N, C-alpha and C. Protein backbone atom coordinates (compact mmCIF):
# COMPACT_ATOMS: atom_id res chain seq x y z
N UNK A 1 18.14 -9.33 12.09
CA UNK A 1 17.70 -10.67 11.78
C UNK A 1 18.84 -11.50 11.19
N UNK A 2 19.97 -11.42 11.76
CA UNK A 2 21.13 -12.14 11.24
C UNK A 2 21.11 -13.59 11.71
N UNK A 3 21.82 -14.43 10.98
CA UNK A 3 22.01 -15.83 11.33
C UNK A 3 20.71 -16.63 11.41
N UNK A 4 19.76 -16.31 10.56
CA UNK A 4 18.54 -17.10 10.47
C UNK A 4 18.78 -18.28 9.53
N UNK A 5 18.02 -19.34 9.77
CA UNK A 5 18.03 -20.41 8.78
C UNK A 5 17.16 -19.94 7.62
N UNK A 6 17.31 -20.57 6.49
CA UNK A 6 16.51 -20.20 5.33
C UNK A 6 15.04 -20.47 5.59
N UNK A 7 14.73 -21.53 6.32
CA UNK A 7 13.33 -21.81 6.65
C UNK A 7 12.75 -20.67 7.49
N UNK A 8 13.50 -20.21 8.49
CA UNK A 8 13.03 -19.10 9.34
C UNK A 8 12.91 -17.80 8.54
N UNK A 9 13.88 -17.57 7.66
CA UNK A 9 13.85 -16.35 6.85
C UNK A 9 12.63 -16.35 5.93
N UNK A 10 12.35 -17.48 5.30
CA UNK A 10 11.18 -17.55 4.43
C UNK A 10 9.88 -17.47 5.23
N UNK A 11 9.87 -18.03 6.43
CA UNK A 11 8.70 -17.87 7.31
C UNK A 11 8.44 -16.39 7.57
N UNK A 12 9.51 -15.64 7.87
CA UNK A 12 9.38 -14.21 8.16
C UNK A 12 8.89 -13.44 6.92
N UNK A 13 9.45 -13.75 5.77
CA UNK A 13 9.05 -13.08 4.53
C UNK A 13 7.59 -13.39 4.21
N UNK A 14 7.21 -14.65 4.32
CA UNK A 14 5.83 -15.03 4.02
C UNK A 14 4.85 -14.41 5.01
N UNK A 15 5.24 -14.32 6.28
CA UNK A 15 4.39 -13.66 7.26
C UNK A 15 4.21 -12.18 6.95
N UNK A 16 5.29 -11.53 6.58
CA UNK A 16 5.20 -10.11 6.19
C UNK A 16 4.34 -9.93 4.95
N UNK A 17 4.50 -10.82 3.98
CA UNK A 17 3.68 -10.75 2.76
C UNK A 17 2.20 -10.93 3.09
N UNK A 18 1.89 -11.86 3.97
CA UNK A 18 0.50 -12.09 4.35
C UNK A 18 -0.08 -10.84 5.01
N UNK A 19 0.66 -10.22 5.91
CA UNK A 19 0.19 -8.99 6.57
C UNK A 19 0.03 -7.86 5.55
N UNK A 20 0.96 -7.74 4.63
CA UNK A 20 0.89 -6.68 3.62
C UNK A 20 -0.29 -6.91 2.68
N UNK A 21 -0.52 -8.14 2.27
CA UNK A 21 -1.65 -8.44 1.38
C UNK A 21 -2.98 -8.16 2.08
N UNK A 22 -3.08 -8.53 3.35
CA UNK A 22 -4.31 -8.24 4.11
C UNK A 22 -4.52 -6.74 4.25
N UNK A 23 -3.46 -6.01 4.55
CA UNK A 23 -3.57 -4.55 4.68
C UNK A 23 -4.01 -3.93 3.36
N UNK A 24 -3.47 -4.40 2.27
CA UNK A 24 -3.82 -3.88 0.95
C UNK A 24 -5.28 -4.17 0.63
N UNK A 25 -5.72 -5.39 0.88
CA UNK A 25 -7.13 -5.74 0.63
C UNK A 25 -8.08 -4.91 1.49
N UNK A 26 -7.65 -4.59 2.71
CA UNK A 26 -8.48 -3.81 3.62
C UNK A 26 -8.38 -2.32 3.34
N UNK A 27 -7.52 -1.93 2.41
CA UNK A 27 -7.35 -0.52 2.07
C UNK A 27 -6.57 0.24 3.13
N UNK A 28 -5.83 -0.45 3.96
CA UNK A 28 -5.06 0.17 5.03
C UNK A 28 -3.60 0.28 4.60
N UNK A 29 -3.38 1.14 3.63
CA UNK A 29 -2.04 1.24 3.05
C UNK A 29 -1.02 1.77 4.04
N UNK A 30 -1.45 2.52 5.04
CA UNK A 30 -0.51 3.00 6.05
C UNK A 30 0.11 1.83 6.81
N UNK A 31 -0.63 0.73 6.93
CA UNK A 31 -0.12 -0.44 7.64
C UNK A 31 1.00 -1.13 6.87
N UNK A 32 1.14 -0.83 5.59
CA UNK A 32 2.21 -1.45 4.82
C UNK A 32 3.58 -1.04 5.33
N UNK A 33 3.67 0.15 5.89
CA UNK A 33 4.97 0.61 6.37
C UNK A 33 5.48 -0.24 7.52
N UNK A 34 4.58 -0.95 8.20
CA UNK A 34 5.00 -1.83 9.29
C UNK A 34 5.74 -3.06 8.79
N UNK A 35 5.50 -3.46 7.55
CA UNK A 35 6.10 -4.70 7.05
C UNK A 35 7.07 -4.49 5.90
N UNK A 36 6.99 -3.37 5.22
CA UNK A 36 7.88 -3.16 4.09
C UNK A 36 9.27 -2.76 4.56
N UNK A 37 10.24 -3.17 3.83
CA UNK A 37 11.60 -2.76 4.13
C UNK A 37 12.35 -3.72 5.03
N UNK A 38 11.66 -4.68 5.61
CA UNK A 38 12.36 -5.68 6.42
C UNK A 38 12.95 -6.71 5.49
N UNK A 39 14.13 -7.13 5.79
CA UNK A 39 14.79 -8.10 4.93
C UNK A 39 15.61 -9.05 5.80
N UNK A 40 15.08 -10.24 6.07
CA UNK A 40 15.85 -11.20 6.88
C UNK A 40 17.12 -11.60 6.15
N UNK A 41 18.14 -11.85 6.89
CA UNK A 41 19.44 -12.21 6.32
C UNK A 41 19.81 -13.63 6.75
N UNK A 42 19.41 -14.61 5.95
CA UNK A 42 19.75 -15.98 6.30
C UNK A 42 21.22 -16.27 6.05
N UNK A 43 21.72 -17.24 6.78
CA UNK A 43 23.12 -17.63 6.63
C UNK A 43 23.25 -18.64 5.49
N UNK A 44 24.30 -18.47 4.71
CA UNK A 44 24.61 -19.44 3.66
C UNK A 44 23.74 -19.29 2.42
N UNK A 45 23.89 -20.28 1.57
CA UNK A 45 23.16 -20.29 0.29
C UNK A 45 21.78 -20.90 0.48
N UNK A 46 20.88 -20.52 -0.40
CA UNK A 46 19.52 -21.07 -0.39
C UNK A 46 19.58 -22.55 -0.77
N UNK A 47 19.06 -23.42 0.09
CA UNK A 47 19.03 -24.84 -0.26
C UNK A 47 18.09 -25.07 -1.45
N UNK A 48 18.45 -25.98 -2.31
CA UNK A 48 17.69 -26.24 -3.53
C UNK A 48 16.24 -26.60 -3.22
N UNK A 49 16.01 -27.30 -2.12
CA UNK A 49 14.65 -27.71 -1.77
C UNK A 49 13.73 -26.52 -1.49
N UNK A 50 14.31 -25.36 -1.15
CA UNK A 50 13.52 -24.17 -0.85
C UNK A 50 13.37 -23.23 -2.04
N UNK A 51 13.95 -23.60 -3.18
CA UNK A 51 13.86 -22.76 -4.37
C UNK A 51 12.43 -22.43 -4.77
N UNK A 52 11.53 -23.41 -4.85
CA UNK A 52 10.14 -23.10 -5.22
C UNK A 52 9.46 -22.17 -4.21
N UNK A 53 9.74 -22.36 -2.95
CA UNK A 53 9.14 -21.51 -1.91
C UNK A 53 9.64 -20.07 -2.03
N UNK A 54 10.94 -19.92 -2.27
CA UNK A 54 11.51 -18.58 -2.44
C UNK A 54 10.97 -17.93 -3.71
N UNK A 55 10.82 -18.70 -4.79
CA UNK A 55 10.27 -18.17 -6.04
C UNK A 55 8.82 -17.72 -5.84
N UNK A 56 8.05 -18.48 -5.08
CA UNK A 56 6.67 -18.11 -4.80
C UNK A 56 6.61 -16.80 -4.00
N UNK A 57 7.49 -16.66 -3.01
CA UNK A 57 7.53 -15.43 -2.22
C UNK A 57 7.91 -14.24 -3.10
N UNK A 58 8.85 -14.45 -4.01
CA UNK A 58 9.24 -13.38 -4.92
C UNK A 58 8.08 -12.99 -5.84
N UNK A 59 7.34 -13.97 -6.33
CA UNK A 59 6.19 -13.70 -7.19
C UNK A 59 5.12 -12.91 -6.42
N UNK A 60 4.86 -13.30 -5.19
CA UNK A 60 3.90 -12.57 -4.36
C UNK A 60 4.36 -11.14 -4.11
N UNK A 61 5.66 -10.98 -3.88
CA UNK A 61 6.22 -9.65 -3.64
C UNK A 61 6.04 -8.77 -4.87
N UNK A 62 6.32 -9.30 -6.03
CA UNK A 62 6.16 -8.52 -7.27
C UNK A 62 4.70 -8.17 -7.53
N UNK A 63 3.79 -9.09 -7.23
CA UNK A 63 2.35 -8.81 -7.39
C UNK A 63 1.92 -7.70 -6.42
N UNK A 64 2.42 -7.76 -5.21
CA UNK A 64 2.11 -6.73 -4.22
C UNK A 64 2.66 -5.38 -4.66
N UNK A 65 3.88 -5.35 -5.15
CA UNK A 65 4.48 -4.11 -5.65
C UNK A 65 3.66 -3.54 -6.81
N UNK A 66 3.21 -4.40 -7.71
CA UNK A 66 2.42 -3.94 -8.86
C UNK A 66 1.09 -3.35 -8.39
N UNK A 67 0.45 -3.98 -7.41
CA UNK A 67 -0.82 -3.47 -6.90
C UNK A 67 -0.65 -2.13 -6.21
N UNK A 68 0.39 -2.01 -5.39
CA UNK A 68 0.65 -0.74 -4.70
C UNK A 68 0.96 0.35 -5.72
N UNK A 69 1.75 0.02 -6.73
CA UNK A 69 2.10 0.98 -7.77
C UNK A 69 0.84 1.46 -8.50
N UNK A 70 -0.06 0.53 -8.82
CA UNK A 70 -1.29 0.91 -9.51
C UNK A 70 -2.17 1.78 -8.62
N UNK A 71 -2.27 1.45 -7.37
CA UNK A 71 -3.09 2.27 -6.46
C UNK A 71 -2.51 3.67 -6.29
N UNK A 72 -1.20 3.76 -6.21
CA UNK A 72 -0.57 5.08 -6.12
C UNK A 72 -0.81 5.88 -7.40
N UNK A 73 -0.69 5.22 -8.55
CA UNK A 73 -0.93 5.90 -9.83
C UNK A 73 -2.38 6.37 -9.92
N UNK A 74 -3.32 5.54 -9.45
CA UNK A 74 -4.72 5.94 -9.47
C UNK A 74 -4.96 7.15 -8.57
N UNK A 75 -4.27 7.19 -7.45
CA UNK A 75 -4.40 8.34 -6.56
C UNK A 75 -3.85 9.59 -7.21
N UNK A 76 -2.72 9.46 -7.87
CA UNK A 76 -2.13 10.61 -8.57
C UNK A 76 -3.08 11.09 -9.66
N UNK A 77 -3.65 10.16 -10.41
CA UNK A 77 -4.60 10.55 -11.48
C UNK A 77 -5.82 11.25 -10.88
N UNK A 78 -6.33 10.73 -9.78
CA UNK A 78 -7.51 11.35 -9.15
C UNK A 78 -7.18 12.74 -8.64
N UNK A 79 -6.02 12.91 -8.05
CA UNK A 79 -5.63 14.23 -7.57
C UNK A 79 -5.45 15.19 -8.73
N UNK A 80 -4.87 14.71 -9.82
CA UNK A 80 -4.69 15.55 -11.00
C UNK A 80 -6.02 15.95 -11.60
N UNK A 81 -6.97 15.02 -11.64
CA UNK A 81 -8.29 15.34 -12.18
C UNK A 81 -8.98 16.37 -11.31
N UNK A 82 -8.81 16.27 -10.01
CA UNK A 82 -9.43 17.24 -9.11
C UNK A 82 -8.81 18.63 -9.31
N UNK A 83 -7.52 18.69 -9.56
CA UNK A 83 -6.87 19.99 -9.76
C UNK A 83 -7.29 20.61 -11.09
N UNK A 84 -7.60 19.79 -12.08
CA UNK A 84 -8.02 20.33 -13.38
C UNK A 84 -9.49 20.74 -13.39
N UNK A 85 -10.26 20.22 -12.45
CA UNK A 85 -11.69 20.54 -12.41
C UNK A 85 -11.85 21.98 -11.96
N UNK A 86 -12.69 22.74 -12.66
CA UNK A 86 -12.87 24.14 -12.25
C UNK A 86 -13.58 24.21 -10.90
N UNK A 87 -13.00 24.97 -10.02
CA UNK A 87 -13.59 25.17 -8.70
C UNK A 87 -14.27 26.53 -8.70
N UNK A 88 -15.52 26.55 -8.37
CA UNK A 88 -16.24 27.82 -8.33
C UNK A 88 -16.56 28.17 -6.90
N UNK A 89 -16.51 29.44 -6.63
CA UNK A 89 -16.87 29.92 -5.30
C UNK A 89 -18.38 29.84 -5.15
N UNK A 90 -18.85 29.56 -3.96
CA UNK A 90 -20.30 29.52 -3.77
C UNK A 90 -20.90 30.89 -4.05
N UNK A 91 -22.07 30.88 -4.66
CA UNK A 91 -22.72 32.15 -4.96
C UNK A 91 -23.28 32.74 -3.67
N UNK A 92 -23.16 34.04 -3.59
CA UNK A 92 -23.67 34.74 -2.41
C UNK A 92 -25.17 34.95 -2.58
N UNK A 93 -25.88 34.57 -1.56
CA UNK A 93 -27.32 34.73 -1.64
C UNK A 93 -27.73 36.06 -1.00
N UNK A 94 -28.63 36.75 -1.69
CA UNK A 94 -29.16 38.01 -1.14
C UNK A 94 -30.52 37.71 -0.51
N UNK A 95 -30.86 38.44 0.52
CA UNK A 95 -32.15 38.17 1.17
C UNK A 95 -33.30 38.44 0.21
N UNK A 96 -34.33 37.62 0.34
CA UNK A 96 -35.51 37.78 -0.52
C UNK A 96 -36.42 38.88 -0.01
N UNK A 97 -36.34 39.18 1.26
CA UNK A 97 -37.15 40.25 1.84
C UNK A 97 -36.41 40.81 3.04
N UNK A 98 -36.83 41.93 3.51
CA UNK A 98 -36.23 42.56 4.68
C UNK A 98 -37.30 42.62 5.76
N UNK A 99 -36.94 42.14 6.93
CA UNK A 99 -37.86 42.22 8.06
C UNK A 99 -37.60 43.55 8.77
N UNK A 100 -38.50 44.47 8.63
CA UNK A 100 -38.34 45.80 9.20
C UNK A 100 -38.39 45.78 10.72
N UNK A 101 -38.95 44.71 11.30
CA UNK A 101 -39.04 44.63 12.76
C UNK A 101 -37.71 44.19 13.38
N UNK A 102 -36.79 43.71 12.62
CA UNK A 102 -35.54 43.20 13.18
C UNK A 102 -34.55 44.28 13.50
């Protein structure tokens, strides 16, 4: 994604954020891998007029990271709680009667 304008780069980032936010709300965390890690490389410095837009994208990114981090931590806690819970083997049932005809 080289030689993008800043407008195009921010369009790409905002589109990825929208897809990631929708995937997170839908609980489809596997879909996050389709959008995470992409980083458009615009040419030159960020124009001052786009500063608020870039700051908003950064804020959304940080909120998304915090939500994913919390969900991962909740999963780790749930897995840990399951491992600490005593697991008992099912009790073996003995027949109540014997059918002599069998």
